[in-house]
Amino acid sequence: MAKVRVRPETGTLYLDFSFRGVRCREQTALQDTAENRRKVQSLLNRISKEIRQGSFDYAATFPESPRGKRFAPGKEATPEPQVRHAPTDEINDSIPDFRTFSITWRAEMAPQWRRQHRESVDATFDAHLLAEFGSRRVDSITKADVLSFRARLADLPGRSSPKLSSATVNRTMGLLRQCMTEASERFGMPDIFKGVKRLKGRRSDVKPFSLAEVERVRNTIRPDYRNYVTCRFFTGMRTGEINGLKWKYVDFEQGLIRIREVFSAGESEENAKTESSIRDIPMLPMVREALKRQWEKRDPDVEYVFCSREGNPIDAHNFANRIWYPLLRFLGLEKRRPYQTRHTTATLMLASGESPEWIARLMGHSNTQMLFTVYSRFVPNLARQDGLAIAGLLSAHGQKPPAELQSITPEQLSAMSAEQLRSALNQLLASKAA
């Protein structure tokens, strides 16, 4: 099968086709760009057509090629010897190179990806994967190649650290794994990622604000951003969700904020990060008050709740660099990304005793695993084992704990089995009924 390919060492395009039973490769001086690919593909299509019609003149098409004499009219061409790695290594021109297959795979996956994710995937392929594997046939890539690539990738400098983080390396390798797994299924290739595990990385960098710090930030920030940060601290909305919030999704009558769109990379986009991210957030009293104040001073011609003087959504980078970080420095607080306001919402609600299931839905998580994995270390009550929580519950209902619970020490209570606790509670209920 005729193909337009690229030399990895020079980045230039070449033609790869068969003529009279001989595999031919003809180099061009064109760099690998979309426009040059179209030009070379057009030439290759003409060559293929002429070969089928029996009118292809090799020397006329490639006058400087040494193969021109071998394919002179009336002269029988001698097939070139082919190097084979094993007797079963048969040439299969139906198997594409990695670049070609990755374009097909990304186009097939695009309908289920958000625009920002599609752009991120394309950037990762352009920056790392195509440079490494672009011109190689997918069936020639081995597990050793993958591991070698990962080792080199892990040594590259990061944006703010000497090397790329494990999370960045894992994201890049994850895309390569998905693409190659699909290729292995389509072309009957072995799974080269078998046994290749993710790099271990640090736990998510969660540094929530205390309630006292929240109040300091709210009371000190510029007045035109006070409503904005109040909603960030007490709704748990992601940056793209609050920046893309429109008035049509604010329901004062029902007391709900409906998350239906996000704003990222300069564009508003329907659908949120995941299916569970499409949700309704109940307005806490301070959030309702902040939104009411925002409504009263709104520009009727602007659809966004929080916007610049020009009516555009708040720019995340602009807010962080010109408002947020200077404010933290002024207050003497540790430098933290604005996204930590979302983590603050989760930790404050967990500390106040709200249901983890309800908090997970509020935050847009599909289950409570994220809460217990990421936030539990910030909320001592979630891990307490002194038995005082159940005693406090009984006391709140105006009831004294049973004698067994009154005389027992916290250490003994924590060691009691569930059956023993159940028995003590049954005694309490029986005494109350009597």
Protein backbone atom coordinates (compact mmCIF):
# COMPACT_ATOMS: atom_id res chain seq x y z
CA MET A 1 0.00 0.00 0.00
CA ALA A 2 1.42 3.38 -1.03
CA LYS A 3 2.13 5.75 1.84
CA VAL A 4 3.49 9.20 2.54
CA ARG A 5 5.95 8.85 5.41
CA VAL A 6 8.33 11.08 7.36
CA ARG A 7 12.01 10.67 8.21
CA PRO A 8 12.28 11.04 12.02
CA GLU A 9 15.87 12.26 11.85
CA THR A 10 15.15 15.12 9.39
CA GLY A 11 11.39 15.61 9.56
CA THR A 12 11.12 15.48 5.76
CA LEU A 13 8.55 13.55 3.76
CA TYR A 14 9.16 10.62 1.44
CA LEU A 15 7.06 8.36 -0.78
CA ASP A 16 6.82 4.66 -0.06
CA PHE A 17 5.26 2.52 -2.80
CA SER A 18 5.72 -0.68 -4.83
CA PHE A 19 6.48 -0.86 -8.54
CA ARG A 20 7.00 -4.08 -10.52
CA GLY A 21 7.29 -6.06 -7.28
CA VAL A 22 9.95 -3.75 -5.85
CA ARG A 23 9.44 -1.56 -2.81
CA CYS A 24 10.49 1.97 -3.71
CA ARG A 25 11.20 4.94 -1.45
CA GLU A 26 11.76 8.39 -2.91
CA GLN A 27 12.83 11.27 -0.68
CA THR A 28 11.54 14.85 -0.92
CA ALA A 29 12.94 18.05 0.58
CA LEU A 30 9.55 19.02 2.04
CA GLN A 31 9.05 19.33 5.78
CA ASP A 32 6.22 17.45 7.46
CA THR A 33 3.39 19.99 7.39
CA ALA A 34 -0.27 19.56 6.51
CA GLU A 35 0.12 21.51 3.26
CA ASN A 36 3.22 19.55 2.18
CA ARG A 37 1.54 16.26 3.03
CA ARG A 38 -1.32 17.17 0.71
CA LYS A 39 1.14 17.95 -2.09
CA VAL A 40 3.09 14.72 -1.68
CA GLN A 41 -0.10 12.69 -1.32
CA SER A 42 -1.40 14.20 -4.56
CA LEU A 43 1.80 13.09 -6.33
CA LEU A 44 1.54 9.63 -4.79
CA ASN A 45 -2.08 9.31 -5.95
CA ARG A 46 -1.05 10.15 -9.52
CA ILE A 47 1.79 7.60 -9.38
CA SER A 48 -0.56 4.90 -8.11
CA LYS A 49 -3.04 5.65 -10.88
CA GLU A 50 -0.35 5.51 -13.58
CA ILE A 51 0.99 2.23 -12.16
CA ARG A 52 -2.50 0.69 -12.39
CA GLN A 53 -2.87 1.94 -15.99
CA GLY A 54 0.62 0.73 -16.95
CA SER A 55 1.77 4.22 -17.99
CA PHE A 56 4.08 5.09 -15.09
CA ASP A 57 7.51 6.35 -16.21
CA TYR A 58 9.85 6.14 -13.23
CA ALA A 59 12.73 8.10 -14.76
CA ALA A 60 10.45 10.92 -15.91
CA THR A 61 8.84 11.22 -12.49
CA PHE A 62 12.09 10.93 -10.53
CA PRO A 63 14.84 12.02 -12.96
CA GLU A 64 17.54 12.11 -10.30
CA SER A 65 16.72 8.72 -8.84
CA PRO A 66 19.20 5.87 -9.51
CA ARG A 67 16.19 3.56 -9.88
CA GLY A 68 15.22 5.32 -13.09
CA LYS A 69 17.60 3.17 -15.17
CA ARG A 70 16.44 -0.04 -13.51
CA PHE A 71 12.87 0.72 -14.50
CA ALA A 72 13.59 1.87 -18.03
CA PRO A 73 10.83 0.82 -20.53
CA GLY A 74 11.29 -2.75 -21.70
CA LYS A 75 13.76 -3.59 -18.96
CA GLU A 76 12.76 -6.14 -16.35
CA ALA A 77 13.39 -4.89 -12.83
CA THR A 78 15.19 -7.09 -10.34
CA PRO A 79 13.46 -7.17 -6.98
CA GLU A 80 15.60 -5.81 -4.16
CA PRO A 81 16.52 -8.24 -1.39
CA GLN A 82 14.47 -7.76 1.76
CA VAL A 83 15.94 -8.15 5.22
CA ARG A 84 13.72 -10.24 7.48
CA HIS A 85 14.07 -10.65 11.20
CA ALA A 86 12.31 -14.01 11.24
CA PRO A 87 10.80 -16.42 8.69
CA THR A 88 7.30 -15.36 9.76
CA ASP A 89 7.97 -11.64 9.37
CA GLU A 90 5.82 -11.12 6.28
CA ILE A 91 5.28 -7.62 4.91
CA ASN A 92 1.77 -6.37 5.58
CA ASP A 93 1.19 -2.99 3.98
CA SER A 94 -2.25 -2.79 5.59
CA ILE A 95 -0.63 -1.96 8.94
CA PRO A 96 -0.12 1.82 9.17
CA ASP A 97 2.60 3.84 10.80
CA PHE A 98 1.96 5.30 14.24
CA ARG A 99 1.27 8.81 12.95
CA THR A 100 -1.38 7.64 10.51
CA PHE A 101 -3.07 5.37 13.00
CA SER A 102 -3.01 8.00 15.77
CA ILE A 103 -4.84 10.44 13.50
CA THR A 104 -7.50 7.82 12.84
CA TRP A 105 -7.77 6.89 16.52
CA ARG A 106 -8.06 10.49 17.70
CA ALA A 107 -10.73 11.23 15.10
CA GLU A 108 -12.72 8.21 16.30
CA MET A 109 -12.39 9.21 19.96
CA ALA A 110 -13.10 12.92 19.42
CA PRO A 111 -16.92 12.71 19.80
CA GLN A 112 -16.58 11.56 23.41
CA TRP A 113 -13.93 14.14 24.35
CA ARG A 114 -14.48 17.76 25.33
CA ARG A 115 -12.79 20.36 23.14
CA GLN A 116 -10.17 21.24 25.73
CA HIS A 117 -9.28 17.58 26.22
CA ARG A 118 -9.01 17.06 22.44
CA GLU A 119 -6.60 19.98 22.23
CA SER A 120 -4.59 18.61 25.14
CA VAL A 121 -4.38 15.18 23.51
CA ASP A 122 -3.23 16.67 20.19
CA ALA A 123 -0.61 18.77 21.99
CA THR A 124 0.74 15.68 23.76
CA PHE A 125 1.01 13.73 20.52
CA ASP A 126 2.72 16.64 18.76
CA ALA A 127 5.14 17.34 21.61
CA HIS A 128 6.20 13.80 22.49
CA LEU A 129 4.58 10.77 20.86
CA LEU A 130 4.81 11.60 17.15
CA ALA A 131 8.42 12.71 17.45
CA GLU A 132 9.28 9.36 19.00
CA PHE A 133 7.08 6.89 17.10
CA GLY A 134 5.50 8.85 14.21
CA SER A 135 7.15 7.14 11.23
CA ARG A 136 7.28 3.63 12.70
CA ARG A 137 4.74 1.00 11.84
CA VAL A 138 2.64 0.26 14.89
CA ASP A 139 3.60 -3.43 14.79
CA SER A 140 7.30 -2.53 15.03
CA ILE A 141 6.96 -0.75 18.39
CA THR A 142 8.02 -3.00 21.26
CA LYS A 143 7.73 -2.99 25.03
CA ALA A 144 11.42 -2.11 25.24
CA ASP A 145 10.77 0.95 23.04
CA VAL A 146 7.95 2.05 25.35
CA LEU A 147 10.04 1.70 28.51
CA SER A 148 13.00 3.47 26.93
CA PHE A 149 10.73 6.32 25.83
CA ARG A 150 9.25 6.64 29.33
CA ALA A 151 12.72 6.85 30.88
CA ARG A 152 13.72 9.69 28.52
CA LEU A 153 10.39 11.42 29.08
CA ALA A 154 10.81 11.32 32.86
CA ASP A 155 14.16 13.13 32.51
CA LEU A 156 12.74 16.09 30.60
CA PRO A 157 12.51 19.39 32.52
CA GLY A 158 9.11 20.30 33.92
CA ARG A 159 7.36 23.65 33.87
CA SER A 160 8.29 24.50 37.46
CA SER A 161 10.54 21.59 38.47
CA PRO A 162 13.79 19.99 37.27
CA LYS A 163 11.91 17.02 35.77
CA LEU A 164 8.44 16.21 34.53
CA SER A 165 6.12 15.07 37.29
CA SER A 166 4.96 11.46 37.50
CA ALA A 167 1.42 12.63 36.76
CA THR A 168 2.53 14.26 33.48
CA VAL A 169 4.52 11.19 32.45
CA ASN A 170 1.56 8.93 33.31
CA ARG A 171 -0.84 11.07 31.25
CA THR A 172 1.44 10.87 28.22
CA MET A 173 1.98 7.14 28.64
CA GLY A 174 -1.75 6.65 29.18
CA LEU A 175 -2.53 8.12 25.77
CA LEU A 176 0.14 5.95 24.17
CA ARG A 177 -1.30 2.90 25.93
CA GLN A 178 -4.85 3.62 24.74
CA CYS A 179 -3.73 4.16 21.15
CA MET A 180 -1.51 1.08 21.02
CA THR A 181 -4.10 -1.12 22.75
CA GLU A 182 -6.59 -0.24 20.03
CA ALA A 183 -3.95 -0.95 17.37
CA SER A 184 -3.14 -4.34 18.90
CA GLU A 185 -6.82 -5.32 18.80
CA ARG A 186 -7.30 -4.21 15.19
CA PHE A 187 -4.16 -5.72 13.73
CA GLY A 188 -3.72 -8.81 15.91
CA MET A 189 -0.56 -7.52 17.58
CA PRO A 190 0.65 -8.47 21.08
CA ASP A 191 -0.09 -6.06 23.91
CA ILE A 192 3.22 -4.26 24.40
CA PHE A 193 1.96 -2.58 27.58
CA LYS A 194 1.46 -5.85 29.44
CA GLY A 195 3.24 -5.48 32.77
CA VAL A 196 3.98 -1.76 32.28
CA LYS A 197 2.74 -0.02 35.42
CA ARG A 198 2.09 3.64 36.16
CA LEU A 199 4.78 5.62 37.93
CA LYS A 200 4.07 6.27 41.57
CA GLY A 201 3.39 9.91 42.28
CA ARG A 202 2.62 12.16 45.18
CA ARG A 203 -0.90 12.48 46.54
CA SER A 204 -2.84 15.44 45.19
CA ASP A 205 -1.50 18.71 46.53
CA VAL A 206 -4.44 19.73 48.73
CA LYS A 207 -3.95 22.83 50.90
CA PRO A 208 -7.39 24.06 51.91
CA PHE A 209 -8.00 27.32 53.75
CA SER A 210 -9.27 27.38 57.31
CA LEU A 211 -12.55 29.14 57.99
CA ALA A 212 -10.64 32.02 59.61
CA GLU A 213 -8.47 32.36 56.49
CA VAL A 214 -11.56 32.28 54.28
CA GLU A 215 -13.01 35.22 56.17
CA ARG A 216 -9.76 37.16 55.94
CA VAL A 217 -9.68 36.65 52.18
CA ARG A 218 -13.34 37.62 51.74
CA ASN A 219 -13.01 40.75 53.87
CA THR A 220 -9.78 41.96 52.26
CA ILE A 221 -10.17 41.21 48.55
CA ARG A 222 -11.19 43.97 46.16
CA PRO A 223 -14.93 44.59 46.50
CA ASP A 224 -15.59 43.78 42.84
CA TYR A 225 -14.24 40.24 43.43
CA ARG A 226 -15.82 39.61 46.86
CA ASN A 227 -18.96 37.95 45.51
CA TYR A 228 -16.84 35.85 43.17
CA VAL A 229 -14.57 34.41 45.86
CA THR A 230 -17.52 33.88 48.21
CA CYS A 231 -19.15 31.65 45.60
CA ARG A 232 -15.88 29.85 45.00
CA PHE A 233 -15.34 29.12 48.69
CA PHE A 234 -18.89 27.90 49.43
CA THR A 235 -20.01 26.10 46.26
CA GLY A 236 -16.96 24.00 45.32
CA MET A 237 -17.27 24.98 41.66
CA ARG A 238 -14.29 24.37 39.43
CA THR A 239 -12.60 27.35 37.80
CA GLY A 240 -14.11 26.67 34.39
CA GLU A 241 -17.56 26.15 35.94
CA ILE A 242 -17.75 29.41 37.88
CA ASN A 243 -16.08 31.45 35.13
CA GLY A 244 -18.57 30.04 32.63
CA LEU A 245 -21.63 30.46 34.89
CA LYS A 246 -24.46 32.30 33.14
CA TRP A 247 -27.48 33.96 34.70
CA LYS A 248 -29.84 31.54 33.00
CA TYR A 249 -28.39 28.77 35.20
CA VAL A 250 -28.95 30.69 38.48
CA ASP A 251 -32.34 29.72 39.90
CA PHE A 252 -33.17 32.00 42.84
CA GLU A 253 -36.66 30.53 43.15
CA GLN A 254 -35.38 26.99 43.73
CA GLY A 255 -32.17 28.16 45.37
CA LEU A 256 -29.98 26.27 42.90
CA ILE A 257 -26.95 26.89 40.71
CA ARG A 258 -27.15 24.59 37.69
CA ILE A 259 -23.77 23.51 36.28
CA ARG A 260 -24.29 23.00 32.55
CA GLU A 261 -21.38 24.80 30.82
CA VAL A 262 -17.70 25.47 31.39
CA PHE A 263 -15.39 28.23 30.16
CA SER A 264 -11.85 27.25 29.25
CA ALA A 265 -9.17 28.23 26.77
CA GLY A 266 -11.13 31.35 25.83
CA GLU A 267 -14.34 29.55 24.88
CA SER A 268 -17.59 28.54 26.52
CA GLU A 269 -18.51 24.90 26.04
CA GLU A 270 -21.63 22.95 26.89
CA ASN A 271 -21.31 19.85 29.05
CA ALA A 272 -19.08 19.73 32.08
CA LYS A 273 -15.92 17.78 32.85
CA THR A 274 -17.72 14.46 33.38
CA GLU A 275 -21.31 13.24 33.43
CA SER A 276 -21.41 13.54 37.22
CA SER A 277 -20.17 17.13 36.92
CA ILE A 278 -23.51 18.15 35.40
CA ARG A 279 -25.28 18.89 38.67
CA ASP A 280 -27.32 21.34 40.72
CA ILE A 281 -25.63 23.10 43.64
CA PRO A 282 -27.85 24.39 46.48
CA MET A 283 -27.20 27.99 47.47
CA LEU A 284 -25.94 28.44 51.01
CA PRO A 285 -27.15 31.70 52.60
CA MET A 286 -23.89 33.58 51.98
CA VAL A 287 -23.87 32.37 48.36
CA ARG A 288 -27.45 33.54 47.78
CA GLU A 289 -26.58 36.95 49.23
CA ALA A 290 -23.48 37.23 47.05
CA LEU A 291 -25.44 36.33 43.91
CA LYS A 292 -28.22 38.75 44.81
CA ARG A 293 -25.68 41.56 45.13
CA GLN A 294 -24.13 40.51 41.82
CA TRP A 295 -27.58 40.50 40.18
CA GLU A 296 -28.35 44.01 41.37
CA LYS A 297 -25.24 45.50 39.75
CA ARG A 298 -25.26 43.33 36.62
CA ASP A 299 -25.21 44.63 33.05
CA PRO A 300 -28.48 43.39 31.45
CA ASP A 301 -26.64 42.81 28.16
CA VAL A 302 -24.07 40.45 29.72
CA GLU A 303 -25.02 36.80 30.19
CA TYR A 304 -22.14 35.86 32.50
CA VAL A 305 -22.55 36.15 36.27
CA PHE A 306 -18.91 37.09 36.88
CA CYS A 307 -17.22 39.08 34.15
CA SER A 308 -14.71 41.78 33.28
CA ARG A 309 -15.58 45.39 32.56
CA GLU A 310 -15.86 44.43 28.90
CA GLY A 311 -18.47 41.76 29.71
CA ASN A 312 -16.17 38.80 29.11
CA PRO A 313 -15.81 35.90 31.56
CA ILE A 314 -13.12 36.31 34.19
CA ASP A 315 -9.75 35.23 32.81
CA ALA A 316 -8.33 32.57 35.15
CA HIS A 317 -4.66 33.52 34.66
CA ASN A 318 -5.37 37.22 34.96
CA PHE A 319 -7.29 36.75 38.21
CA ALA A 320 -4.59 34.51 39.70
CA ASN A 321 -1.64 36.73 38.86
CA ARG A 322 -3.17 40.18 39.39
CA ILE A 323 -5.66 39.62 42.20
CA TRP A 324 -5.25 36.29 44.00
CA TYR A 325 -1.51 35.87 44.57
CA PRO A 326 -0.91 39.53 45.52
CA LEU A 327 -3.75 39.23 48.05
CA LEU A 328 -2.23 36.12 49.66
CA ARG A 329 1.14 37.86 49.91
CA PHE A 330 -0.51 40.89 51.51
CA LEU A 331 -2.25 38.70 54.10
CA GLY A 332 0.88 36.68 54.78
CA LEU A 333 -0.82 33.44 53.71
CA GLU A 334 0.89 30.52 51.99
CA LYS A 335 0.77 30.72 48.20
CA ARG A 336 -2.01 28.47 46.94
CA ARG A 337 -3.76 28.18 43.60
CA PRO A 338 -7.32 29.56 43.35
CA TYR A 339 -8.42 25.93 42.81
CA GLN A 340 -7.80 25.39 46.52
CA THR A 341 -11.10 27.17 47.13
CA ARG A 342 -12.78 24.01 45.84
CA HIS A 343 -10.78 21.85 48.25
CA THR A 344 -11.75 24.26 51.01
CA THR A 345 -15.44 23.67 50.29
CA ALA A 346 -15.02 19.92 50.67
CA THR A 347 -13.00 20.06 53.89
CA LEU A 348 -15.27 22.62 55.58
CA MET A 349 -18.36 20.58 54.77
CA LEU A 350 -16.81 17.34 55.92
CA ALA A 351 -15.65 18.99 59.16
CA SER A 352 -19.18 20.29 59.77
CA GLY A 353 -20.58 16.75 59.59
CA GLU A 354 -22.38 16.89 56.23
CA SER A 355 -23.09 13.54 54.56
CA PRO A 356 -20.14 12.42 52.39
CA GLU A 357 -22.56 11.19 49.72
CA TRP A 358 -24.22 14.61 49.55
CA ILE A 359 -20.85 16.40 49.44
CA ALA A 360 -19.67 14.11 46.62
CA ARG A 361 -22.73 15.01 44.54
CA LEU A 362 -22.24 18.71 45.34
CA MET A 363 -18.62 18.56 44.17
CA GLY A 364 -19.45 16.62 41.00
CA HIS A 365 -17.75 13.36 42.03
CA SER A 366 -19.23 10.06 40.90
CA ASN A 367 -18.69 8.52 44.37
CA THR A 368 -17.19 9.24 47.80
CA GLN A 369 -13.81 7.66 47.09
CA MET A 370 -12.22 11.02 46.24
CA LEU A 371 -13.44 12.53 49.50
CA PHE A 372 -11.96 9.84 51.72
CA THR A 373 -8.76 9.51 49.66
CA VAL A 374 -7.90 13.20 49.35
CA TYR A 375 -9.61 15.06 52.19
CA SER A 376 -9.91 12.72 55.18
CA ARG A 377 -6.52 13.74 56.63
CA PHE A 378 -7.83 17.30 57.01
CA VAL A 379 -10.92 16.24 58.99
CA PRO A 380 -10.07 14.47 62.29
CA ASN A 381 -13.70 13.54 62.97
CA LEU A 382 -13.72 11.23 59.99
CA ALA A 383 -11.07 9.03 61.55
CA ARG A 384 -11.83 9.35 65.26
CA GLN A 385 -11.89 6.10 67.20
CA ASP A 386 -12.56 7.25 70.78
CA GLY A 387 -16.29 6.50 70.91
CA LEU A 388 -17.15 10.11 71.77
CA ALA A 389 -19.11 10.66 68.57
CA ILE A 390 -21.82 8.19 69.56
CA ALA A 391 -21.84 9.49 73.13
CA GLY A 392 -22.29 13.01 71.80
CA LEU A 393 -25.20 11.88 69.64
CA LEU A 394 -26.96 10.36 72.66
CA SER A 395 -26.30 13.48 74.73
CA ALA A 396 -27.70 15.72 71.99
CA HIS A 397 -31.02 13.87 72.33
CA GLY A 398 -31.17 14.55 76.08
CA GLN A 399 -30.29 10.98 76.99
CA LYS A 400 -27.55 9.68 79.21
CA PRO A 401 -25.43 6.87 77.83
CA PRO A 402 -26.04 3.49 79.43
CA ALA A 403 -24.10 2.67 82.60
CA GLU A 404 -21.79 0.49 80.58
CA LEU A 405 -20.84 3.52 78.46
CA GLN A 406 -20.66 5.96 81.37
CA SER A 407 -18.05 4.01 83.27
CA ILE A 408 -15.93 2.83 80.39
CA THR A 409 -12.79 4.64 79.23
CA PRO A 410 -12.40 5.90 75.64
CA GLU A 411 -9.72 3.26 75.03
CA GLN A 412 -12.06 0.47 76.18
CA LEU A 413 -14.95 1.89 74.19
CA SER A 414 -12.92 1.99 70.99
CA ALA A 415 -12.05 -1.67 71.51
CA MET A 416 -15.68 -2.77 71.88
CA SER A 417 -17.12 -4.85 69.08
CA ALA A 418 -20.11 -3.75 67.08
CA GLU A 419 -22.21 -6.39 68.85
CA GLN A 420 -21.27 -5.04 72.28
CA LEU A 421 -22.15 -1.47 71.23
CA ARG A 422 -25.44 -2.67 69.78
CA SER A 423 -26.27 -4.41 73.04
CA ALA A 424 -25.60 -1.25 75.04
CA LEU A 425 -27.83 0.80 72.77
CA ASN A 426 -30.61 -1.74 73.04
CA GLN A 427 -30.45 -1.38 76.83
CA LEU A 428 -30.85 2.37 76.44
CA LEU A 429 -33.88 1.99 74.20
CA ALA A 430 -35.43 -0.54 76.52
CA SER A 431 -34.98 1.75 79.54
CA LYS A 432 -36.53 4.65 77.62
CA ALA A 433 -39.56 2.53 76.64
CA ALA A 434 -40.04 1.48 80.28
